[in-house]
Amino acid sequence: MIAISRRDSFPLAIAILAFAFLGLFLLYPLLNVFGASFLDRTGKVLTLANYVRILSSSFYLGSLGNSLILGILSTLLTIAIGVPLAFCLARLPIPGKSALLALASLPLVLPSFVAAYALVLLLGRAGIVTRLLRDIGVPFSSIYGVTGMTIVFAMTLFPFAVFPTLAAFKAVDVSVEEAGQNLGASRWRTFRTVTLPIVMPAVLAGGLLVFIEVIESFGVPFVLAEDKPVLAVEAYKLFVGETGNPASAGVLGVLLIVCTAIALLIQRHYLGRRRFSTATRRPPPELVVKPWLRRLACAYSWGVVLISLVPFFAIIVISLMEFRGPVMQSSPSLNNFRDLFGQSWRPLINTLSLSTAAAVTAAVIGVPIGFAITRFRSRVSDLLDVLAMTPFAVAGTVLAIGLIISFNSGGLVLTGGWLILVLAWVVRKIPFNVRASAAILYQIDPSLEEASINLGVSPPMTFVRLTVPLMMGGVIGGMVLTWVTVASELSSTVVLYSGPWATMTVVMFQALEGTGAGIASAAATVLIVFTVLPVALVYRLLRRHELGMM
């Protein structure tokens, strides 16, 4: 009994510290955003006038409608692309599956607004492809608007639908499908009535992530929305225009949170009314299909993945072209990079150093939270699990506004420095580290830790010297994912940064606001290089580690 109490005291202490951190830097700012939405212009009197003004405005109701339509269309298109791709990778004999999976993960670690900007250069009103289409008589206006944004989100977020659905297809018990076919159902009907309903939780989980990412996205609408107001962008504009009184921005922030919360509740309601579990004994083998179908599946799979990478290859090529103002010339040049770094190297240094600080801090906080969730099963750990996942449903713009409201005055002033940027990034990316570490911990037998504790090693030392080395793959994976997503973060960064702490994404943002198309493309290329290299390096190191363990 004493050993059990001693063992549980460590994860309980972690849970208490985690509640304190997330309470101070997540819940407290969100509550302040909520509170600010009920204050008048003086910031002292409670009122509903802000909600009345926003909800009676056709402009802001239109921005809410545009955000919801964009979220729904993007989610449906992403699922329509991702689920067939997941099935092809899981069940059909497609050559080069390992390469496909590696390439399919790249859009997750590359900034989506870079893809949006690349499409503007290709398919904008004066884009390369647009001019070619007009020259041959094909009527085409531009990629701007809901259509363009939906395409960008589908191209960059389809991995959210692919990877969980791929794992679900591989986990389906083959006997379930055999039973359906033995009852006379065709292979297509078996898939539609048996297999697809079983993997539906994974499909909905991926769809929910896509919807949340779209609703909270700032960069893609900033580049492509044009005359279509979108909630996240309008919240930023209101906050910038309401110096010292973020009441209306608070209302839009609350609306953003409500949208994501409703999506989460709908998903939980659907899953709670149905049972999807099967007694998995034999994973399904690859299907034997006709050659033409195999070739079609191969063409579809490689086509989807390669098309999703077109914007990033395009932006690299475009950055090496000559620009005169916003107009691209046909001659190659390195002037864009010369202009970018001629202004200052500081944004690149800020991106590298602050992203590293955020990745390390998120791991130091998130990995112990993952440990507490898996090793201390109670209502406390369940609540901590929900709280640790909450940042997924909070737009970066909303969290940034909350942090400014909360830490702009008083005993703890953070605005204007680098620390508030790192804290915002850490809070937003903690779920990556929690989920990655928890997934590994579920596979590590707790008896190993119990044996160490029974031999006299303290629980904290057992965690540091035994548990962390065993879960190092998950720790490194979470850190790399945090690093690359922080390096391309825009929505919270553009609200929180001050002059000397601008990052590469801010440079792009400012260049796109002006006429610096060449500088923006060069900054995007640098960002692509510095986000892909860590992923490739860590993947190679982990592969060597796995081969060395065999």
Protein backbone atom coordinates (compact mmCIF):
# COMPACT_ATOMS: atom_id res chain seq x y z
CA MET A 1 0.00 0.00 0.00
CA ILE A 2 2.86 2.37 0.79
CA ALA A 3 4.55 1.53 -2.53
CA ILE A 4 1.32 2.25 -4.44
CA SER A 5 0.87 5.58 -2.66
CA ARG A 6 4.47 6.49 -3.36
CA ARG A 7 4.12 5.53 -7.02
CA ASP A 8 0.92 7.54 -7.52
CA SER A 9 2.18 10.64 -5.74
CA PHE A 10 4.50 11.54 -8.62
CA PRO A 11 1.89 11.58 -11.44
CA LEU A 12 -0.50 13.37 -9.08
CA ALA A 13 2.11 16.08 -8.47
CA ILE A 14 2.59 16.39 -12.24
CA ALA A 15 -1.18 16.75 -12.69
CA ILE A 16 -1.33 19.54 -10.10
CA LEU A 17 1.51 21.46 -11.79
CA ALA A 18 -0.09 20.92 -15.21
CA PHE A 19 -3.42 22.30 -13.97
CA ALA A 20 -1.59 25.34 -12.63
CA PHE A 21 0.25 25.99 -15.91
CA LEU A 22 -2.75 25.45 -18.19
CA GLY A 23 -5.01 27.32 -15.80
CA LEU A 24 -2.75 30.38 -15.87
CA PHE A 25 -1.84 30.46 -19.57
CA LEU A 26 -4.91 28.84 -21.18
CA LEU A 27 -8.06 29.06 -19.06
CA TYR A 28 -7.31 32.47 -17.53
CA PRO A 29 -6.73 34.18 -20.93
CA LEU A 30 -9.82 32.51 -22.42
CA LEU A 31 -11.93 33.63 -19.48
CA ASN A 32 -10.62 37.16 -19.97
CA VAL A 33 -11.62 37.04 -23.64
CA PHE A 34 -15.07 35.89 -22.57
CA GLY A 35 -15.25 38.60 -19.91
CA ALA A 36 -14.05 41.33 -22.28
CA SER A 37 -16.91 40.53 -24.65
CA PHE A 38 -19.37 41.71 -21.95
CA LEU A 39 -17.64 45.02 -21.14
CA ASP A 40 -18.47 48.45 -22.55
CA ARG A 41 -15.97 50.84 -24.15
CA THR A 42 -14.73 51.98 -20.74
CA GLY A 43 -13.96 48.38 -19.79
CA LYS A 44 -15.81 48.75 -16.48
CA VAL A 45 -19.54 48.26 -17.12
CA LEU A 46 -21.14 44.92 -18.00
CA THR A 47 -23.27 45.01 -21.13
CA LEU A 48 -24.70 42.84 -23.89
CA ALA A 49 -24.34 45.65 -26.41
CA ASN A 50 -21.25 44.06 -27.99
CA TYR A 51 -23.15 40.86 -28.78
CA VAL A 52 -26.15 42.81 -30.03
CA ARG A 53 -23.94 44.91 -32.31
CA ILE A 54 -22.02 41.92 -33.72
CA LEU A 55 -24.99 39.55 -34.06
CA SER A 56 -27.15 42.22 -35.68
CA SER A 57 -24.47 43.10 -38.22
CA SER A 58 -24.91 41.45 -41.61
CA PHE A 59 -21.16 41.79 -42.16
CA TYR A 60 -20.16 39.79 -39.09
CA LEU A 61 -22.97 37.29 -39.51
CA GLY A 62 -21.68 36.87 -43.05
CA SER A 63 -18.16 36.25 -41.74
CA LEU A 64 -19.56 33.61 -39.38
CA GLY A 65 -21.48 31.99 -42.23
CA ASN A 66 -18.43 32.10 -44.50
CA SER A 67 -16.29 30.44 -41.82
CA LEU A 68 -18.83 27.66 -41.26
CA ILE A 69 -19.36 27.07 -44.99
CA LEU A 70 -15.61 27.03 -45.53
CA GLY A 71 -15.14 24.61 -42.64
CA ILE A 72 -17.86 22.24 -43.83
CA LEU A 73 -16.82 22.28 -47.50
CA SER A 74 -13.14 21.82 -46.66
CA THR A 75 -13.92 18.97 -44.26
CA LEU A 76 -16.13 17.16 -46.77
CA LEU A 77 -13.61 17.57 -49.60
CA THR A 78 -10.74 16.46 -47.37
CA ILE A 79 -12.63 13.35 -46.29
CA ALA A 80 -13.62 12.62 -49.90
CA ILE A 81 -9.92 12.74 -50.87
CA GLY A 82 -8.42 11.18 -47.75
CA VAL A 83 -10.63 8.13 -47.13
CA PRO A 84 -10.10 6.56 -50.59
CA LEU A 85 -6.38 7.29 -50.30
CA ALA A 86 -6.27 5.63 -46.87
CA PHE A 87 -8.08 2.57 -48.23
CA CYS A 88 -5.69 2.31 -51.18
CA LEU A 89 -2.65 2.49 -48.88
CA ALA A 90 -4.12 0.01 -46.40
CA ARG A 91 -5.69 -2.62 -48.62
CA LEU A 92 -4.40 -2.43 -52.19
CA PRO A 93 -1.03 -3.52 -53.64
CA ILE A 94 0.42 -0.11 -54.49
CA PRO A 95 4.16 0.19 -55.17
CA GLY A 96 6.16 2.69 -53.11
CA LYS A 97 3.86 2.84 -50.08
CA SER A 98 6.65 3.93 -47.73
CA ALA A 99 7.57 6.82 -50.00
CA LEU A 100 3.90 7.75 -50.37
CA LEU A 101 3.39 7.87 -46.62
CA ALA A 102 6.51 9.98 -46.12
CA LEU A 103 5.51 12.45 -48.84
CA ALA A 104 1.89 12.56 -47.64
CA SER A 105 3.05 13.79 -44.23
CA LEU A 106 4.88 16.83 -45.66
CA PRO A 107 1.80 19.09 -45.99
CA LEU A 108 1.33 18.80 -42.21
CA VAL A 109 4.71 20.33 -41.47
CA LEU A 110 4.64 23.02 -44.14
CA PRO A 111 2.69 26.26 -43.61
CA SER A 112 -0.69 26.24 -45.32
CA PHE A 113 -0.59 29.94 -46.09
CA VAL A 114 2.59 29.30 -48.11
CA ALA A 115 0.52 26.97 -50.29
CA ALA A 116 -2.13 29.67 -50.55
CA TYR A 117 0.43 32.23 -51.65
CA ALA A 118 1.91 29.79 -54.19
CA LEU A 119 -1.53 29.28 -55.70
CA VAL A 120 -1.96 33.04 -55.97
CA LEU A 121 1.28 33.25 -57.95
CA LEU A 122 0.13 30.37 -60.14
CA LEU A 123 -3.62 30.95 -60.39
CA GLY A 124 -4.16 34.54 -59.25
CA ARG A 125 -5.40 37.22 -61.63
CA ALA A 126 -1.88 37.72 -62.98
CA GLY A 127 -0.66 34.21 -62.19
CA ILE A 128 1.52 32.12 -64.46
CA VAL A 129 -1.09 29.43 -65.15
CA THR A 130 -3.88 32.00 -65.38
CA ARG A 131 -2.07 33.87 -68.17
CA LEU A 132 -1.38 30.61 -70.02
CA LEU A 133 -5.04 29.61 -69.80
CA ARG A 134 -6.16 32.98 -71.10
CA ASP A 135 -3.66 32.81 -73.95
CA ILE A 136 -5.17 29.54 -75.19
CA GLY A 137 -8.72 30.82 -74.77
CA VAL A 138 -9.71 29.04 -71.55
CA PRO A 139 -11.94 31.33 -69.42
CA PHE A 140 -10.51 31.52 -65.93
CA SER A 141 -10.68 34.42 -63.48
CA SER A 142 -8.66 33.54 -60.37
CA ILE A 143 -8.32 31.22 -57.37
CA TYR A 144 -9.59 33.81 -54.87
CA GLY A 145 -12.64 33.15 -52.70
CA VAL A 146 -14.21 30.13 -51.02
CA THR A 147 -13.23 27.80 -53.87
CA GLY A 148 -9.55 28.66 -53.63
CA MET A 149 -9.50 28.44 -49.84
CA THR A 150 -11.28 25.07 -49.90
CA ILE A 151 -8.75 23.70 -52.38
CA VAL A 152 -5.81 24.92 -50.29
CA PHE A 153 -7.21 23.42 -47.10
CA ALA A 154 -7.89 20.10 -48.83
CA MET A 155 -4.36 20.03 -50.27
CA THR A 156 -2.69 20.80 -46.94
CA LEU A 157 -4.97 19.08 -44.40
CA PHE A 158 -5.82 15.79 -46.15
CA PRO A 159 -3.22 13.91 -44.00
CA PHE A 160 -5.49 14.52 -41.00
CA ALA A 161 -8.08 12.35 -42.73
CA VAL A 162 -5.61 9.84 -44.18
CA PHE A 163 -3.51 8.70 -41.22
CA PRO A 164 -6.19 7.87 -38.61
CA THR A 165 -8.37 6.24 -41.29
CA LEU A 166 -5.40 4.25 -42.60
CA ALA A 167 -4.76 2.86 -39.11
CA ALA A 168 -8.47 2.06 -38.73
CA PHE A 169 -8.63 0.17 -42.05
CA LYS A 170 -5.64 -1.91 -40.96
CA ALA A 171 -7.30 -2.70 -37.62
CA VAL A 172 -10.56 -4.08 -39.07
CA ASP A 173 -10.93 -7.80 -38.33
CA VAL A 174 -10.92 -9.67 -41.63
CA SER A 175 -13.54 -12.12 -40.32
CA VAL A 176 -16.10 -9.31 -40.25
CA GLU A 177 -15.68 -8.68 -43.96
CA GLU A 178 -15.64 -12.41 -44.69
CA ALA A 179 -18.94 -12.82 -42.85
CA GLY A 180 -20.55 -10.15 -45.01
CA GLN A 181 -19.31 -11.72 -48.24
CA ASN A 182 -20.37 -15.21 -47.08
CA LEU A 183 -23.90 -13.84 -46.72
CA GLY A 184 -23.86 -12.91 -50.39
CA ALA A 185 -22.84 -9.27 -50.25
CA SER A 186 -20.56 -7.97 -52.98
CA ARG A 187 -17.16 -6.54 -52.15
CA TRP A 188 -18.43 -2.98 -52.67
CA ARG A 189 -21.53 -3.54 -50.52
CA THR A 190 -19.40 -5.14 -47.79
CA PHE A 191 -17.16 -2.08 -47.80
CA ARG A 192 -20.11 0.33 -47.74
CA THR A 193 -22.21 -1.44 -45.07
CA VAL A 194 -19.56 -3.16 -42.93
CA THR A 195 -16.04 -1.77 -43.27
CA LEU A 196 -16.81 1.93 -43.66
CA PRO A 197 -19.12 2.13 -40.59
CA ILE A 198 -16.43 0.42 -38.48
CA VAL A 199 -13.78 3.01 -39.42
CA MET A 200 -16.20 5.93 -39.07
CA PRO A 201 -14.77 7.08 -35.68
CA ALA A 202 -11.37 7.55 -37.30
CA VAL A 203 -12.94 9.38 -40.25
CA LEU A 204 -14.83 11.70 -37.90
CA ALA A 205 -11.74 12.28 -35.76
CA GLY A 206 -9.80 13.38 -38.83
CA GLY A 207 -12.71 15.45 -40.07
CA LEU A 208 -13.00 17.22 -36.72
CA LEU A 209 -9.32 18.17 -36.80
CA VAL A 210 -9.74 19.53 -40.32
CA PHE A 211 -12.83 21.55 -39.36
CA ILE A 212 -11.09 23.06 -36.33
CA GLU A 213 -7.98 23.92 -38.34
CA VAL A 214 -10.08 25.61 -41.03
CA ILE A 215 -12.23 27.58 -38.59
CA GLU A 216 -9.20 28.93 -36.72
CA SER A 217 -7.00 29.50 -39.77
CA PHE A 218 -5.74 33.03 -40.24
CA GLY A 219 -3.10 32.81 -42.97
CA VAL A 220 -5.06 31.13 -45.77
CA PRO A 221 -8.08 33.50 -45.58
CA PHE A 222 -5.70 36.45 -45.30
CA VAL A 223 -4.15 35.47 -48.65
CA LEU A 224 -7.20 34.17 -50.53
CA ALA A 225 -10.42 35.45 -48.93
CA GLU A 226 -10.28 38.84 -50.69
CA ASP A 227 -13.82 40.27 -50.31
CA LYS A 228 -15.09 37.28 -48.26
CA PRO A 229 -14.92 38.15 -44.54
CA VAL A 230 -13.80 35.24 -42.34
CA LEU A 231 -14.20 35.11 -38.57
CA ALA A 232 -10.54 34.59 -37.55
CA VAL A 233 -9.30 37.43 -39.77
CA GLU A 234 -12.06 39.80 -38.66
CA ALA A 235 -11.27 39.06 -34.99
CA TYR A 236 -7.67 40.13 -35.64
CA LYS A 237 -8.75 43.30 -37.46
CA LEU A 238 -11.14 44.23 -34.66
CA PHE A 239 -8.50 43.67 -32.00
CA VAL A 240 -5.95 45.79 -33.86
CA GLY A 241 -8.55 48.53 -34.30
CA GLU A 242 -9.77 48.45 -30.69
CA THR A 243 -6.71 49.71 -28.84
CA GLY A 244 -7.23 49.03 -25.14
CA ASN A 245 -10.81 47.80 -25.64
CA PRO A 246 -11.00 44.36 -27.26
CA ALA A 247 -14.72 43.93 -26.59
CA SER A 248 -15.92 43.22 -30.13
CA ALA A 249 -12.87 41.06 -30.84
CA GLY A 250 -13.80 39.15 -27.70
CA VAL A 251 -17.26 38.48 -29.12
CA LEU A 252 -15.77 37.04 -32.32
CA GLY A 253 -13.35 35.02 -30.19
CA VAL A 254 -16.26 33.54 -28.26
CA LEU A 255 -18.02 32.71 -31.54
CA LEU A 256 -14.90 30.89 -32.76
CA ILE A 257 -14.76 28.81 -29.60
CA VAL A 258 -18.50 28.05 -29.82
CA CYS A 259 -18.13 26.83 -33.43
CA THR A 260 -15.38 24.37 -32.55
CA ALA A 261 -17.16 23.26 -29.37
CA ILE A 262 -20.37 22.50 -31.29
CA ALA A 263 -18.40 20.44 -33.83
CA LEU A 264 -16.83 18.46 -30.99
CA LEU A 265 -20.20 17.85 -29.32
CA ILE A 266 -21.77 16.66 -32.59
CA GLN A 267 -18.95 14.18 -33.07
CA ARG A 268 -19.21 12.89 -29.48
CA HIS A 269 -23.00 12.57 -29.79
CA TYR A 270 -22.71 10.53 -32.99
CA LEU A 271 -20.05 8.22 -31.56
CA GLY A 272 -21.88 7.83 -28.26
CA ARG A 273 -25.02 6.44 -29.93
CA ARG A 274 -23.22 3.67 -31.83
CA ARG A 275 -20.79 0.83 -31.22
CA PHE A 276 -17.84 0.40 -33.56
CA SER A 277 -15.57 -2.09 -31.80
CA THR A 278 -14.62 -5.47 -33.28
CA ALA A 279 -12.64 -8.32 -31.80
CA THR A 280 -9.58 -7.86 -34.00
CA ARG A 281 -7.88 -11.22 -34.48
CA ARG A 282 -6.57 -11.05 -38.03
CA PRO A 283 -5.74 -7.80 -39.80
CA PRO A 284 -7.16 -7.70 -43.33
CA PRO A 285 -4.72 -8.71 -46.08
CA GLU A 286 -4.17 -6.78 -49.28
CA LEU A 287 -6.99 -7.32 -51.73
CA VAL A 288 -6.41 -9.17 -54.96
CA VAL A 289 -7.74 -6.84 -57.65
CA LYS A 290 -7.65 -6.63 -61.41
CA PRO A 291 -4.61 -4.94 -62.98
CA TRP A 292 -6.60 -1.96 -64.23
CA LEU A 293 -7.96 -1.28 -60.75
CA ARG A 294 -4.51 -1.54 -59.21
CA ARG A 295 -3.16 0.93 -61.79
CA LEU A 296 -6.08 3.29 -61.10
CA ALA A 297 -5.45 3.14 -57.33
CA CYS A 298 -1.75 3.75 -57.90
CA ALA A 299 -2.43 6.75 -60.16
CA TYR A 300 -4.92 8.18 -57.66
CA SER A 301 -2.62 7.76 -54.65
CA TRP A 302 0.47 9.22 -56.29
CA GLY A 303 -1.60 11.90 -57.99
CA VAL A 304 -3.11 13.19 -54.74
CA VAL A 305 0.22 13.29 -52.94
CA LEU A 306 2.18 14.91 -55.77
CA ILE A 307 -0.51 17.51 -56.46
CA SER A 308 -0.48 18.47 -52.78
CA LEU A 309 3.25 19.21 -53.09
CA VAL A 310 2.96 21.33 -56.25
CA PRO A 311 2.58 24.67 -54.39
CA PHE A 312 5.74 24.09 -52.41
CA PHE A 313 7.85 23.19 -55.43
CA ALA A 314 6.32 26.15 -57.23
CA ILE A 315 7.18 28.61 -54.46
CA ILE A 316 10.82 27.49 -54.55
CA VAL A 317 11.03 28.04 -58.31
CA ILE A 318 9.20 31.37 -58.12
CA SER A 319 11.54 32.63 -55.38
CA LEU A 320 14.42 32.25 -57.85
CA MET A 321 12.75 34.52 -60.40
CA GLU A 322 13.15 38.27 -60.85
CA PHE A 323 10.40 40.51 -59.40
CA ARG A 324 9.65 44.13 -60.18
CA GLY A 325 7.32 45.13 -57.40
CA PRO A 326 4.54 42.52 -57.33
CA VAL A 327 5.11 41.49 -60.97
CA MET A 328 7.24 38.42 -61.69
CA GLN A 329 9.63 38.50 -64.66
CA SER A 330 10.83 35.53 -66.70
CA SER A 331 14.54 35.89 -65.81
CA PRO A 332 16.10 33.92 -62.92
CA SER A 333 17.65 35.87 -60.05
CA LEU A 334 18.78 35.65 -56.42
CA ASN A 335 17.71 39.22 -55.72
CA ASN A 336 14.73 38.08 -53.64
CA PHE A 337 17.01 36.38 -51.13
CA ARG A 338 19.43 39.30 -51.23
CA ASP A 339 16.59 41.69 -50.44
CA LEU A 340 15.25 39.40 -47.71
CA PHE A 341 18.48 39.04 -45.80
CA GLY A 342 19.70 42.51 -46.75
CA GLN A 343 16.97 43.89 -44.49
CA SER A 344 17.88 41.72 -41.48
CA TRP A 345 18.81 38.18 -40.44
CA ARG A 346 16.94 38.71 -37.19
CA PRO A 347 13.59 37.14 -38.29
CA LEU A 348 15.34 33.88 -39.27
CA ILE A 349 17.32 33.81 -36.02
CA ASN A 350 14.11 34.50 -34.06
CA THR A 351 12.29 31.71 -35.89
CA LEU A 352 15.02 29.14 -35.24
CA SER A 353 15.75 30.07 -31.62
CA LEU A 354 12.21 30.70 -30.40
CA SER A 355 10.82 27.62 -32.19
CA THR A 356 13.51 25.51 -30.50
CA ALA A 357 12.69 27.02 -27.12
CA ALA A 358 8.99 26.32 -27.65
CA ALA A 359 9.59 22.74 -28.81
CA VAL A 360 11.81 21.92 -25.82
CA THR A 361 9.45 23.60 -23.34
CA ALA A 362 6.39 21.88 -24.82
CA ALA A 363 8.16 18.52 -24.45
CA VAL A 364 9.26 19.25 -20.87
CA ILE A 365 5.64 20.06 -19.96
CA GLY A 366 3.70 17.79 -22.33
CA VAL A 367 5.60 14.51 -21.80
CA PRO A 368 5.01 14.46 -18.02
CA ILE A 369 1.33 15.28 -18.66
CA GLY A 370 1.13 12.28 -20.98
CA PHE A 371 2.73 10.19 -18.22
CA ALA A 372 0.25 11.41 -15.61
CA ILE A 373 -2.72 10.71 -17.89
CA THR A 374 -1.68 7.12 -18.60
CA ARG A 375 -0.27 6.14 -15.20
CA PHE A 376 -2.72 7.84 -12.82
CA ARG A 377 -6.17 6.73 -13.91
CA SER A 378 -8.79 8.80 -12.10
CA ARG A 379 -11.23 11.62 -12.68
CA VAL A 380 -8.33 14.01 -12.15
CA SER A 381 -6.37 12.50 -15.04
CA ASP A 382 -9.50 12.41 -17.23
CA LEU A 383 -10.05 16.12 -16.59
CA LEU A 384 -6.38 16.83 -17.28
CA ASP A 385 -6.64 14.91 -20.55
CA VAL A 386 -9.57 17.07 -21.68
CA LEU A 387 -7.81 20.28 -20.59
CA ALA A 388 -4.57 19.30 -22.36
CA MET A 389 -6.50 18.75 -25.61
CA THR A 390 -8.43 22.03 -25.34
CA PRO A 391 -5.81 24.11 -27.24
CA PHE A 392 -6.70 22.11 -30.37
CA ALA A 393 -10.12 23.78 -30.31
CA VAL A 394 -8.88 27.32 -29.61
CA ALA A 395 -7.93 29.61 -32.47
CA GLY A 396 -4.45 31.09 -32.22
CA THR A 397 -5.88 34.56 -32.67
CA VAL A 398 -8.23 34.08 -29.71
CA LEU A 399 -5.50 32.75 -27.41
CA ALA A 400 -3.19 35.60 -28.40
CA ILE A 401 -5.86 38.20 -27.66
CA GLY A 402 -6.48 36.54 -24.29
CA LEU A 403 -2.78 36.57 -23.41
CA ILE A 404 -2.50 40.28 -24.22
CA ILE A 405 -5.58 41.10 -22.14
CA SER A 406 -4.27 39.01 -19.25
CA PHE A 407 -0.59 39.99 -19.17
CA ASN A 408 -0.51 43.55 -20.45
CA SER A 409 -0.49 45.07 -16.98
CA GLY A 410 -0.42 44.12 -13.31
CA GLY A 411 2.08 41.92 -11.52
CA LEU A 412 3.03 39.81 -14.55
CA VAL A 413 3.63 41.80 -17.73
CA LEU A 414 4.65 39.70 -20.75
CA THR A 415 3.56 41.72 -23.78
CA GLY A 416 6.28 43.20 -25.94
CA GLY A 417 8.84 40.45 -25.31
CA TRP A 418 9.74 37.03 -26.67
CA LEU A 419 8.41 35.03 -23.71
CA ILE A 420 4.76 35.64 -24.53
CA LEU A 421 5.35 34.24 -28.03
CA VAL A 422 6.95 31.08 -26.65
CA LEU A 423 4.19 30.62 -24.08
CA ALA A 424 1.48 30.96 -26.73
CA TRP A 425 3.21 28.42 -28.96
CA VAL A 426 3.79 26.00 -26.07
CA VAL A 427 0.14 26.11 -25.01
CA ARG A 428 -1.09 25.63 -28.59
CA LYS A 429 1.25 22.70 -29.34
CA ILE A 430 1.18 20.84 -26.01
CA PRO A 431 -1.43 18.39 -27.38
CA PHE A 432 1.14 17.06 -29.86
CA ASN A 433 3.51 16.12 -27.06
CA VAL A 434 0.79 14.78 -24.77
CA ARG A 435 -0.71 12.51 -27.43
CA ALA A 436 2.65 11.35 -28.80
CA SER A 437 4.00 10.44 -25.34
CA ALA A 438 0.74 8.88 -24.15
CA ALA A 439 0.58 6.66 -27.25
CA ILE A 440 4.04 5.27 -26.46
CA LEU A 441 3.35 4.91 -22.74
CA TYR A 442 0.31 2.71 -23.39
CA GLN A 443 2.74 0.21 -24.95
CA ILE A 444 5.23 0.28 -22.04
CA ASP A 445 4.45 -2.19 -19.24
CA PRO A 446 4.01 -0.27 -15.95
CA SER A 447 5.60 -3.23 -14.13
CA LEU A 448 9.00 -1.99 -15.32
CA GLU A 449 8.49 1.26 -13.42
CA GLU A 450 7.08 -0.57 -10.40
CA ALA A 451 10.14 -2.82 -10.27
CA SER A 452 12.44 0.21 -10.34
CA ILE A 453 10.50 1.90 -7.53
CA ASN A 454 10.47 -1.29 -5.45
CA LEU A 455 14.27 -1.42 -5.79
CA GLY A 456 14.48 1.97 -4.09
CA VAL A 457 14.66 4.35 -7.07
CA SER A 458 12.41 7.36 -6.56
CA PRO A 459 9.44 7.80 -8.97
CA PRO A 460 10.87 11.02 -10.50
CA MET A 461 14.25 9.35 -11.10
CA THR A 462 12.54 6.26 -12.51
CA PHE A 463 10.64 8.50 -14.92
CA VAL A 464 13.79 10.33 -16.03
CA ARG A 465 16.18 7.38 -16.25
CA LEU A 466 13.84 4.54 -17.30
CA THR A 467 10.55 5.75 -18.76
CA VAL A 468 11.76 8.70 -20.86
CA PRO A 469 14.49 6.69 -22.67
CA LEU A 470 11.93 3.99 -23.50
CA MET A 471 9.56 6.55 -25.00
CA MET A 472 12.24 8.64 -26.74
CA GLY A 473 10.76 8.01 -30.19
CA GLY A 474 7.46 9.58 -29.19
CA VAL A 475 9.22 12.44 -27.39
CA ILE A 476 11.34 13.31 -30.43
CA GLY A 477 8.37 12.96 -32.77
CA GLY A 478 6.30 15.37 -30.67
CA MET A 479 9.18 17.86 -30.46
CA VAL A 480 9.79 17.82 -34.22
CA LEU A 481 6.08 18.25 -34.98
CA THR A 482 5.97 21.12 -32.48
CA TRP A 483 9.05 22.75 -33.98
CA VAL A 484 7.90 22.70 -37.58
CA THR A 485 4.35 23.86 -36.80
CA VAL A 486 5.62 26.65 -34.55
CA ALA A 487 8.07 27.80 -37.23
CA SER A 488 5.12 28.26 -39.61
CA GLU A 489 2.71 29.65 -37.01
CA LEU A 490 1.01 32.89 -38.05
CA SER A 491 -2.34 33.39 -36.31
CA SER A 492 -1.00 33.93 -32.77
CA THR A 493 2.39 35.29 -33.85
CA VAL A 494 1.02 38.20 -35.87
CA VAL A 495 -0.99 39.36 -32.83
CA LEU A 496 1.75 38.91 -30.20
CA TYR A 497 5.05 39.85 -31.84
CA SER A 498 6.75 43.18 -31.23
CA GLY A 499 9.34 44.88 -33.47
CA PRO A 500 12.56 43.01 -32.63
CA TRP A 501 10.81 39.63 -32.34
CA ALA A 502 9.38 39.32 -35.84
CA THR A 503 9.60 35.83 -37.36
CA MET A 504 9.75 34.60 -40.94
CA THR A 505 5.97 34.23 -41.05
CA VAL A 506 5.62 37.86 -39.97
CA VAL A 507 8.01 38.88 -42.76
CA MET A 508 5.78 37.05 -45.23
CA PHE A 509 2.67 38.64 -43.73
CA GLN A 510 4.11 42.15 -44.01
CA ALA A 511 5.43 41.53 -47.54
CA LEU A 512 2.06 40.28 -48.70
CA GLU A 513 0.37 43.33 -47.18
CA GLY A 514 2.63 45.51 -49.36
CA THR A 515 4.17 44.83 -52.74
CA GLY A 516 7.05 42.60 -51.67
CA ALA A 517 6.00 39.48 -53.56
CA GLY A 518 9.63 38.53 -54.21
CA ILE A 519 10.61 38.86 -50.55
CA ALA A 520 7.53 36.88 -49.52
CA SER A 521 8.41 34.02 -51.89
CA ALA A 522 12.02 33.99 -50.69
CA ALA A 523 10.90 33.93 -47.05
CA ALA A 524 8.52 31.07 -47.87
CA THR A 525 11.34 29.08 -49.50
CA VAL A 526 13.59 29.58 -46.47
CA LEU A 527 10.72 28.47 -44.25
CA ILE A 528 10.17 25.33 -46.35
CA VAL A 529 13.85 24.39 -46.19
CA PHE A 530 14.10 24.89 -42.46
CA THR A 531 10.95 22.88 -41.77
CA VAL A 532 11.70 19.94 -44.05
CA LEU A 533 15.32 19.44 -42.98
CA PRO A 534 14.59 18.65 -39.29
CA VAL A 535 11.90 16.16 -40.28
CA ALA A 536 14.21 14.36 -42.73
CA LEU A 537 17.08 14.32 -40.23
CA VAL A 538 15.02 13.00 -37.33
CA TYR A 539 13.36 10.40 -39.58
CA ARG A 540 16.80 9.13 -40.60
CA LEU A 541 18.07 9.05 -37.02
CA LEU A 542 15.01 7.16 -35.83
CA ARG A 543 15.32 4.69 -38.68
CA ARG A 544 18.94 4.03 -37.70
CA HIS A 545 17.87 3.59 -34.09
CA GLU A 546 15.16 1.10 -35.08
CA LEU A 547 17.57 -0.88 -37.27
CA GLY A 548 20.13 -0.90 -34.47
CA MET A 549 17.54 -2.38 -32.10
CA MET A 550 16.75 -5.24 -34.50
